[in-house]
Amino acid sequence: MSEDPLLSPWRQWILKLRGKQFTSKSVIDVYMATIARLSYGNYLWWKHVRGAWRSEETARLHLGCGPVYLPEWINVDALLFWKRDLWLDLRYGLPFRDGTIEAIYANQVFEHFTLPVLRRLLAECHRVLKPGGILRLAVPSFEHAARAYVEGRREFFEEHAHAGRSLAAQANDFLLCQNHHLILFDDAFARDLLAEAGAWSSIVAPPPGESRALDAITLERAEGRWPKLHQTCVVLEAQRS
């Protein structure tokens, strides 16, 4: 794994130590039920204090940033060991005023919530976006995975391939990610959820390498490590009416 100059040495070490395996879902659940709850104080601070004097005219949000830190964006994550600008459990909502955010980016994030929580979070994204603001999302595609499974295309699941494992086991790992993923998406379902969240002037599937929310350099930094993103995921950009 190449080193990221925007990550401190110890965070780079964490990534190397973790490898391709994810922290156990049971550990994450305990963390979210205990330590992450303290981030509610940050929610209140940003909503009632910092938001009272900070201009958000050009603010852009990177939700669930993990190890991918985007300069000039407000990087948000609930886990303390990632570099971020706002430590926040997104289940509390977004502590920003209505119509003050230019763009929101969420890659491999929304599938980690229950459906009721995701509906609220998408409504929050719509609320804080300016008219004309863009939400870019990427979530694993159940449709693409199911087609690959039926056609027996193991290469689709190569990130999850282990010697002697069945194709179904690899598909399960891709779709459920050791039970970290709680929702299965296809393009139509993702569009339905966006439509429930509010009015959008357009919802499009951008071609690979193109975005209305991220410039070319930022897009490469955000998705360069996901060369098959558009082949394996639902990628949509919604523009607020």
C-alpha atoms as a PDB file:
ATOM      1  CA  MET A   1       0.000   0.000   0.000  1.00  0.00           C
ATOM      2  CA  SER A   2       1.495   3.377  -1.020  1.00  0.00           C
ATOM      3  CA  GLU A   3       1.934   5.971   1.684  1.00  0.00           C
ATOM      4  CA  ASP A   4      -0.380   8.962   1.700  1.00  0.00           C
ATOM      5  CA  PRO A   5       1.460  12.217   2.499  1.00  0.00           C
ATOM      6  CA  LEU A   6      -1.708  13.667   4.030  1.00  0.00           C
ATOM      7  CA  LEU A   7      -1.813  10.905   6.654  1.00  0.00           C
ATOM      8  CA  SER A   8       0.406  10.973   9.722  1.00  0.00           C
ATOM      9  CA  PRO A   9       2.927   8.095  10.070  1.00  0.00           C
ATOM     10  CA  TRP A  10       0.878   6.366  12.760  1.00  0.00           C
ATOM     11  CA  ARG A  11      -2.288   6.487  10.635  1.00  0.00           C
ATOM     12  CA  GLN A  12      -0.326   5.026   7.733  1.00  0.00           C
ATOM     13  CA  TRP A  13       0.814   2.307  10.146  1.00  0.00           C
ATOM     14  CA  ILE A  14      -2.809   1.603  11.132  1.00  0.00           C
ATOM     15  CA  LEU A  15      -3.728   1.113   7.474  1.00  0.00           C
ATOM     16  CA  LYS A  16      -0.807  -1.264   6.921  1.00  0.00           C
ATOM     17  CA  LEU A  17      -1.619  -3.195  10.091  1.00  0.00           C
ATOM     18  CA  ARG A  18      -5.286  -3.501   9.128  1.00  0.00           C
ATOM     19  CA  GLY A  19      -4.527  -4.544   5.562  1.00  0.00           C
ATOM     20  CA  LYS A  20      -7.636  -5.499   3.583  1.00  0.00           C
ATOM     21  CA  GLN A  21      -9.463  -6.732   6.664  1.00  0.00           C
ATOM     22  CA  PHE A  22     -11.972  -4.511   8.404  1.00  0.00           C
ATOM     23  CA  THR A  23     -12.347  -4.027  12.122  1.00  0.00           C
ATOM     24  CA  SER A  24     -14.873  -6.485  13.522  1.00  0.00           C
ATOM     25  CA  LYS A  25     -18.478  -5.285  13.313  1.00  0.00           C
ATOM     26  CA  SER A  26     -18.932  -6.071  17.017  1.00  0.00           C
ATOM     27  CA  VAL A  27     -16.030  -3.761  17.901  1.00  0.00           C
ATOM     28  CA  ILE A  28     -17.411  -0.972  15.712  1.00  0.00           C
ATOM     29  CA  ASP A  29     -20.864  -1.408  17.273  1.00  0.00           C
ATOM     30  CA  VAL A  30     -19.403  -1.019  20.779  1.00  0.00           C
ATOM     31  CA  TYR A  31     -17.436   2.044  19.671  1.00  0.00           C
ATOM     32  CA  MET A  32     -20.497   3.674  18.077  1.00  0.00           C
ATOM     33  CA  ALA A  33     -22.600   2.959  21.173  1.00  0.00           C
ATOM     34  CA  THR A  34     -20.028   4.465  23.556  1.00  0.00           C
ATOM     35  CA  ILE A  35     -17.169   6.706  22.369  1.00  0.00           C
ATOM     36  CA  ALA A  36     -18.890   7.981  19.218  1.00  0.00           C
ATOM     37  CA  ARG A  37     -21.838   9.214  21.285  1.00  0.00           C
ATOM     38  CA  LEU A  38     -19.535  11.880  22.705  1.00  0.00           C
ATOM     39  CA  SER A  39     -19.383  13.442  19.237  1.00  0.00           C
ATOM     40  CA  TYR A  40     -22.852  14.856  19.914  1.00  0.00           C
ATOM     41  CA  GLY A  41     -21.014  17.659  21.698  1.00  0.00           C
ATOM     42  CA  ASN A  42     -19.310  18.477  18.387  1.00  0.00           C
ATOM     43  CA  TYR A  43     -22.679  18.425  16.659  1.00  0.00           C
ATOM     44  CA  LEU A  44     -23.977  21.052  19.105  1.00  0.00           C
ATOM     45  CA  TRP A  45     -20.780  23.120  18.857  1.00  0.00           C
ATOM     46  CA  TRP A  46     -20.840  23.278  15.067  1.00  0.00           C
ATOM     47  CA  LYS A  47     -24.582  23.906  14.958  1.00  0.00           C
ATOM     48  CA  HIS A  48     -24.935  26.580  17.642  1.00  0.00           C
ATOM     49  CA  VAL A  49     -21.481  28.118  18.093  1.00  0.00           C
ATOM     50  CA  ARG A  50     -19.126  27.621  15.189  1.00  0.00           C
ATOM     51  CA  GLY A  51     -21.926  27.830  12.658  1.00  0.00           C
ATOM     52  CA  ALA A  52     -23.032  31.139  14.147  1.00  0.00           C
ATOM     53  CA  TRP A  53     -19.883  32.943  13.018  1.00  0.00           C
ATOM     54  CA  ARG A  54     -18.357  30.765  10.296  1.00  0.00           C
ATOM     55  CA  SER A  55     -19.379  31.543   6.723  1.00  0.00           C
ATOM     56  CA  GLU A  56     -20.232  28.344   4.840  1.00  0.00           C
ATOM     57  CA  GLU A  57     -20.518  30.051   1.466  1.00  0.00           C
ATOM     58  CA  THR A  58     -17.985  27.727  -0.170  1.00  0.00           C
ATOM     59  CA  ALA A  59     -18.140  24.807   2.261  1.00  0.00           C
ATOM     60  CA  ARG A  60     -18.017  21.283   0.866  1.00  0.00           C
ATOM     61  CA  LEU A  61     -18.577  18.177   2.978  1.00  0.00           C
ATOM     62  CA  HIS A  62     -16.777  14.846   2.704  1.00  0.00           C
ATOM     63  CA  LEU A  63     -18.876  12.396   4.704  1.00  0.00           C
ATOM     64  CA  GLY A  64     -17.260   9.281   6.188  1.00  0.00           C
ATOM     65  CA  CYS A  65     -13.820  10.362   4.979  1.00  0.00           C
ATOM     66  CA  GLY A  66     -11.883   7.456   6.537  1.00  0.00           C
ATOM     67  CA  PRO A  67      -8.263   7.500   5.327  1.00  0.00           C
ATOM     68  CA  VAL A  68      -9.056   9.770   2.345  1.00  0.00           C
ATOM     69  CA  TYR A  69      -8.566  13.364   3.458  1.00  0.00           C
ATOM     70  CA  LEU A  70      -9.652  15.988   0.913  1.00  0.00           C
ATOM     71  CA  PRO A  71      -7.945  19.397   1.304  1.00  0.00           C
ATOM     72  CA  GLU A  72     -10.303  22.387   1.271  1.00  0.00           C
ATOM     73  CA  TRP A  73     -13.237  20.157   2.214  1.00  0.00           C
ATOM     74  CA  ILE A  74     -14.789  19.640   5.639  1.00  0.00           C
ATOM     75  CA  ASN A  75     -13.868  16.003   6.232  1.00  0.00           C
ATOM     76  CA  VAL A  76     -16.291  14.248   8.575  1.00  0.00           C
ATOM     77  CA  ASP A  77     -15.849  10.883  10.308  1.00  0.00           C
ATOM     78  CA  ALA A  78     -17.013   9.163  13.480  1.00  0.00           C
ATOM     79  CA  LEU A  79     -13.737   7.279  13.999  1.00  0.00           C
ATOM     80  CA  LEU A  80     -11.119   9.167  15.956  1.00  0.00           C
ATOM     81  CA  PHE A  81      -8.022   7.700  14.342  1.00  0.00           C
ATOM     82  CA  TRP A  82      -8.618   9.201  10.886  1.00  0.00           C
ATOM     83  CA  LYS A  83      -7.542  12.716   9.984  1.00  0.00           C
ATOM     84  CA  ARG A  84     -10.702  14.796   9.869  1.00  0.00           C
ATOM     85  CA  ASP A  85     -12.059  18.316  10.421  1.00  0.00           C
ATOM     86  CA  LEU A  86     -15.257  17.303  12.185  1.00  0.00           C
ATOM     87  CA  TRP A  87     -15.596  14.289  14.479  1.00  0.00           C
ATOM     88  CA  LEU A  88     -19.257  13.333  14.175  1.00  0.00           C
ATOM     89  CA  ASP A  89     -21.606  10.368  14.209  1.00  0.00           C
ATOM     90  CA  LEU A  90     -23.706  11.163  11.121  1.00  0.00           C
ATOM     91  CA  ARG A  91     -26.775   9.655  12.765  1.00  0.00           C
ATOM     92  CA  TYR A  92     -27.095  12.960  14.666  1.00  0.00           C
ATOM     93  CA  GLY A  93     -27.533  14.863  11.404  1.00  0.00           C
ATOM     94  CA  LEU A  94     -25.520  17.630   9.756  1.00  0.00           C
ATOM     95  CA  PRO A  95     -24.835  20.695  11.954  1.00  0.00           C
ATOM     96  CA  PHE A  96     -25.040  23.268   9.171  1.00  0.00           C
ATOM     97  CA  ARG A  97     -27.595  25.891   8.248  1.00  0.00           C
ATOM     98  CA  ASP A  98     -30.109  25.347   5.462  1.00  0.00           C
ATOM     99  CA  GLY A  99     -28.776  25.977   1.962  1.00  0.00           C
ATOM    100  CA  THR A 100     -25.167  26.672   2.954  1.00  0.00           C
ATOM    101  CA  ILE A 101     -23.206  23.747   1.465  1.00  0.00           C
ATOM    102  CA  GLU A 102     -21.874  23.742  -2.089  1.00  0.00           C
ATOM    103  CA  ALA A 103     -21.201  20.008  -2.480  1.00  0.00           C
ATOM    104  CA  ILE A 104     -21.370  16.758  -0.517  1.00  0.00           C
ATOM    105  CA  TYR A 105     -19.286  13.666  -1.269  1.00  0.00           C
ATOM    106  CA  ALA A 106     -20.000  10.229   0.232  1.00  0.00           C
ATOM    107  CA  ASN A 107     -18.119   7.188  -1.105  1.00  0.00           C
ATOM    108  CA  GLN A 108     -18.841   3.783   0.488  1.00  0.00           C
ATOM    109  CA  VAL A 109     -20.768   5.431   3.331  1.00  0.00           C
ATOM    110  CA  PHE A 110     -24.548   5.236   2.968  1.00  0.00           C
ATOM    111  CA  GLU A 111     -24.681   1.426   2.928  1.00  0.00           C
ATOM    112  CA  HIS A 112     -23.512   1.401   6.576  1.00  0.00           C
ATOM    113  CA  PHE A 113     -26.785   2.824   7.941  1.00  0.00           C
ATOM    114  CA  THR A 114     -30.197   1.332   8.561  1.00  0.00           C
ATOM    115  CA  LEU A 115     -32.853   2.454   6.102  1.00  0.00           C
ATOM    116  CA  PRO A 116     -34.658   4.846   8.516  1.00  0.00           C
ATOM    117  CA  VAL A 117     -31.349   6.500   9.458  1.00  0.00           C
ATOM    118  CA  LEU A 118     -30.288   6.788   5.823  1.00  0.00           C
ATOM    119  CA  ARG A 119     -33.579   8.414   4.871  1.00  0.00           C
ATOM    120  CA  ARG A 120     -33.011  11.063   7.562  1.00  0.00           C
ATOM    121  CA  LEU A 121     -29.398  11.577   6.513  1.00  0.00           C
ATOM    122  CA  LEU A 122     -30.286  12.044   2.851  1.00  0.00           C
ATOM    123  CA  ALA A 123     -32.951  14.568   3.871  1.00  0.00           C
ATOM    124  CA  GLU A 124     -30.262  16.373   5.870  1.00  0.00           C
ATOM    125  CA  CYS A 125     -27.988  16.405   2.814  1.00  0.00           C
ATOM    126  CA  HIS A 126     -30.787  17.960   0.766  1.00  0.00           C
ATOM    127  CA  ARG A 127     -31.534  20.508   3.494  1.00  0.00           C
ATOM    128  CA  VAL A 128     -27.984  21.855   3.825  1.00  0.00           C
ATOM    129  CA  LEU A 129     -27.169  21.956   0.107  1.00  0.00           C
ATOM    130  CA  LYS A 130     -27.497  25.239  -1.708  1.00  0.00           C
ATOM    131  CA  PRO A 131     -29.869  25.375  -4.672  1.00  0.00           C
ATOM    132  CA  GLY A 132     -27.741  23.929  -7.445  1.00  0.00           C
ATOM    133  CA  GLY A 133     -25.496  22.137  -4.966  1.00  0.00           C
ATOM    134  CA  ILE A 134     -24.352  18.603  -5.795  1.00  0.00           C
ATOM    135  CA  LEU A 135     -24.471  15.386  -3.774  1.00  0.00           C
ATOM    136  CA  ARG A 136     -22.146  12.694  -5.165  1.00  0.00           C
ATOM    137  CA  LEU A 137     -22.604   9.209  -3.740  1.00  0.00           C
ATOM    138  CA  ALA A 138     -21.110   5.802  -4.443  1.00  0.00           C
ATOM    139  CA  VAL A 139     -22.475   2.581  -2.929  1.00  0.00           C
ATOM    140  CA  PRO A 140     -21.888  -1.109  -3.784  1.00  0.00           C
ATOM    141  CA  SER A 141     -24.207  -2.298  -6.545  1.00  0.00           C
ATOM    142  CA  PHE A 142     -26.352  -5.323  -5.754  1.00  0.00           C
ATOM    143  CA  GLU A 143     -27.367  -5.433  -9.417  1.00  0.00           C
ATOM    144  CA  HIS A 144     -23.779  -5.594 -10.732  1.00  0.00           C
ATOM    145  CA  ALA A 145     -22.792  -8.158  -8.094  1.00  0.00           C
ATOM    146  CA  ALA A 146     -25.818 -10.372  -8.792  1.00  0.00           C
ATOM    147  CA  ARG A 147     -25.116 -10.332 -12.522  1.00  0.00           C
ATOM    148  CA  ALA A 148     -21.461 -11.221 -11.928  1.00  0.00           C
ATOM    149  CA  TYR A 149     -22.499 -14.056  -9.624  1.00  0.00           C
ATOM    150  CA  VAL A 150     -24.984 -15.523 -12.106  1.00  0.00           C
ATOM    151  CA  GLU A 151     -22.409 -15.273 -14.899  1.00  0.00           C
ATOM    152  CA  GLY A 152     -19.711 -16.846 -12.710  1.00  0.00           C
ATOM    153  CA  ARG A 153     -17.322 -13.899 -13.071  1.00  0.00           C
ATOM    154  CA  ARG A 154     -14.950 -14.350 -10.153  1.00  0.00           C
ATOM    155  CA  GLU A 155     -12.809 -11.411 -11.283  1.00  0.00           C
ATOM    156  CA  PHE A 156     -15.616  -9.072 -10.211  1.00  0.00           C
ATOM    157  CA  PHE A 157     -15.043 -10.172  -6.619  1.00  0.00           C
ATOM    158  CA  GLU A 158     -11.242 -10.364  -6.796  1.00  0.00           C
ATOM    159  CA  GLU A 159     -10.844  -8.044  -3.819  1.00  0.00           C
ATOM    160  CA  HIS A 160     -12.652 -10.702  -1.768  1.00  0.00           C
ATOM    161  CA  ALA A 161     -11.177 -13.808  -3.378  1.00  0.00           C
ATOM    162  CA  HIS A 162      -9.503 -16.427  -1.192  1.00  0.00           C
ATOM    163  CA  ALA A 163      -8.231 -19.834  -2.294  1.00  0.00           C
ATOM    164  CA  GLY A 164     -10.912 -22.497  -2.021  1.00  0.00           C
ATOM    165  CA  ARG A 165     -13.756 -20.084  -1.283  1.00  0.00           C
ATOM    166  CA  SER A 166     -17.020 -20.387  -3.154  1.00  0.00           C
ATOM    167  CA  LEU A 167     -18.293 -17.678  -5.464  1.00  0.00           C
ATOM    168  CA  ALA A 168     -21.248 -17.139  -3.108  1.00  0.00           C
ATOM    169  CA  ALA A 169     -18.851 -16.486  -0.215  1.00  0.00           C
ATOM    170  CA  GLN A 170     -17.017 -13.880  -2.253  1.00  0.00           C
ATOM    171  CA  ALA A 171     -20.297 -12.249  -3.296  1.00  0.00           C
ATOM    172  CA  ASN A 172     -21.413 -12.211   0.330  1.00  0.00           C
ATOM    173  CA  ASP A 173     -18.199 -10.471   1.389  1.00  0.00           C
ATOM    174  CA  PHE A 174     -18.606  -7.881  -1.373  1.00  0.00           C
ATOM    175  CA  LEU A 175     -22.228  -7.075  -0.620  1.00  0.00           C
ATOM    176  CA  LEU A 176     -22.273  -7.339   3.184  1.00  0.00           C
ATOM    177  CA  CYS A 177     -18.623  -6.561   4.006  1.00  0.00           C
ATOM    178  CA  GLN A 178     -18.485  -8.820   7.073  1.00  0.00           C
ATOM    179  CA  ASN A 179     -21.899  -7.479   8.125  1.00  0.00           C
ATOM    180  CA  HIS A 180     -20.801  -3.832   8.051  1.00  0.00           C
ATOM    181  CA  HIS A 181     -23.238  -3.128   5.197  1.00  0.00           C
ATOM    182  CA  LEU A 182     -26.920  -2.865   6.107  1.00  0.00           C
ATOM    183  CA  ILE A 183     -28.565  -1.921   2.796  1.00  0.00           C
ATOM    184  CA  LEU A 184     -28.346  -3.339  -0.742  1.00  0.00           C
ATOM    185  CA  PHE A 185     -28.628  -0.833  -3.597  1.00  0.00           C
ATOM    186  CA  ASP A 186     -29.277  -0.759  -7.269  1.00  0.00           C
ATOM    187  CA  ASP A 187     -29.516   2.378  -9.385  1.00  0.00           C
ATOM    188  CA  ALA A 188     -33.327   2.590  -9.168  1.00  0.00           C
ATOM    189  CA  PHE A 189     -33.449   2.145  -5.380  1.00  0.00           C
ATOM    190  CA  ALA A 190     -30.773   4.797  -4.848  1.00  0.00           C
ATOM    191  CA  ARG A 191     -32.729   7.207  -7.039  1.00  0.00           C
ATOM    192  CA  ASP A 192     -35.936   6.424  -5.129  1.00  0.00           C
ATOM    193  CA  LEU A 193     -34.251   7.256  -1.818  1.00  0.00           C
ATOM    194  CA  LEU A 194     -32.903  10.511  -3.218  1.00  0.00           C
ATOM    195  CA  ALA A 195     -36.353  11.460  -4.505  1.00  0.00           C
ATOM    196  CA  GLU A 196     -37.814  10.838  -1.045  1.00  0.00           C
ATOM    197  CA  ALA A 197     -35.205  13.195   0.465  1.00  0.00           C
ATOM    198  CA  GLY A 198     -36.304  16.258  -1.493  1.00  0.00           C
ATOM    199  CA  ALA A 199     -36.517  17.907  -4.901  1.00  0.00           C
ATOM    200  CA  TRP A 200     -33.576  17.578  -7.303  1.00  0.00           C
ATOM    201  CA  SER A 201     -33.240  19.265 -10.680  1.00  0.00           C
ATOM    202  CA  SER A 202     -31.298  16.258 -11.968  1.00  0.00           C
ATOM    203  CA  ILE A 203     -29.974  12.871 -10.850  1.00  0.00           C
ATOM    204  CA  VAL A 204     -27.348  11.466 -13.206  1.00  0.00           C
ATOM    205  CA  ALA A 205     -24.798   8.662 -13.334  1.00  0.00           C
ATOM    206  CA  PRO A 206     -21.588  10.492 -14.279  1.00  0.00           C
ATOM    207  CA  PRO A 207     -19.071   8.788 -16.572  1.00  0.00           C
ATOM    208  CA  PRO A 208     -15.821   7.538 -14.993  1.00  0.00           C
ATOM    209  CA  GLY A 209     -13.394  10.379 -14.351  1.00  0.00           C
ATOM    210  CA  GLU A 210     -16.082  13.073 -14.435  1.00  0.00           C
ATOM    211  CA  SER A 211     -17.860  14.946 -11.657  1.00  0.00           C
ATOM    212  CA  ARG A 212     -19.762  18.157 -11.117  1.00  0.00           C
ATOM    213  CA  ALA A 213     -18.954  18.042  -7.392  1.00  0.00           C
ATOM    214  CA  LEU A 214     -15.187  17.402  -7.389  1.00  0.00           C
ATOM    215  CA  ASP A 215     -12.499  18.908  -9.600  1.00  0.00           C
ATOM    216  CA  ALA A 216     -10.202  16.527 -11.497  1.00  0.00           C
ATOM    217  CA  ILE A 217      -7.399  16.552  -8.911  1.00  0.00           C
ATOM    218  CA  THR A 218      -9.759  16.013  -5.975  1.00  0.00           C
ATOM    219  CA  LEU A 219     -11.633  13.292  -7.844  1.00  0.00           C
ATOM    220  CA  GLU A 220      -8.402  11.407  -8.491  1.00  0.00           C
ATOM    221  CA  ARG A 221      -7.415  11.712  -4.849  1.00  0.00           C
ATOM    222  CA  ALA A 222     -10.846  10.553  -3.694  1.00  0.00           C
ATOM    223  CA  GLU A 223     -11.380   7.671  -6.122  1.00  0.00           C
ATOM    224  CA  GLY A 224      -7.983   6.854  -7.602  1.00  0.00           C
ATOM    225  CA  ARG A 225      -7.679   3.879  -5.273  1.00  0.00           C
ATOM    226  CA  TRP A 226     -11.024   2.571  -6.597  1.00  0.00           C
ATOM    227  CA  PRO A 227     -10.200   1.786 -10.256  1.00  0.00           C
ATOM    228  CA  LYS A 228     -13.341  -0.380 -10.659  1.00  0.00           C
ATOM    229  CA  LEU A 229     -15.698   1.982  -8.829  1.00  0.00           C
ATOM    230  CA  HIS A 230     -18.059   2.498 -11.769  1.00  0.00           C
ATOM    231  CA  GLN A 231     -18.030  -1.211 -12.605  1.00  0.00           C
ATOM    232  CA  THR A 232     -18.926  -2.394  -9.104  1.00  0.00           C
ATOM    233  CA  CYS A 233     -20.913   0.483  -7.591  1.00  0.00           C
ATOM    234  CA  VAL A 234     -23.890   2.728  -8.105  1.00  0.00           C
ATOM    235  CA  VAL A 235     -22.407   6.207  -8.638  1.00  0.00           C
ATOM    236  CA  LEU A 236     -24.858   9.108  -8.794  1.00  0.00           C
ATOM    237  CA  GLU A 237     -24.762  12.881  -8.652  1.00  0.00           C
ATOM    238  CA  ALA A 238     -27.911  14.722  -7.587  1.00  0.00           C
ATOM    239  CA  GLN A 239     -28.295  18.478  -8.048  1.00  0.00           C
ATOM    240  CA  ARG A 240     -30.570  20.230  -5.606  1.00  0.00           C
ATOM    241  CA  SER A 241     -33.430  22.221  -7.097  1.00  0.00           C
END
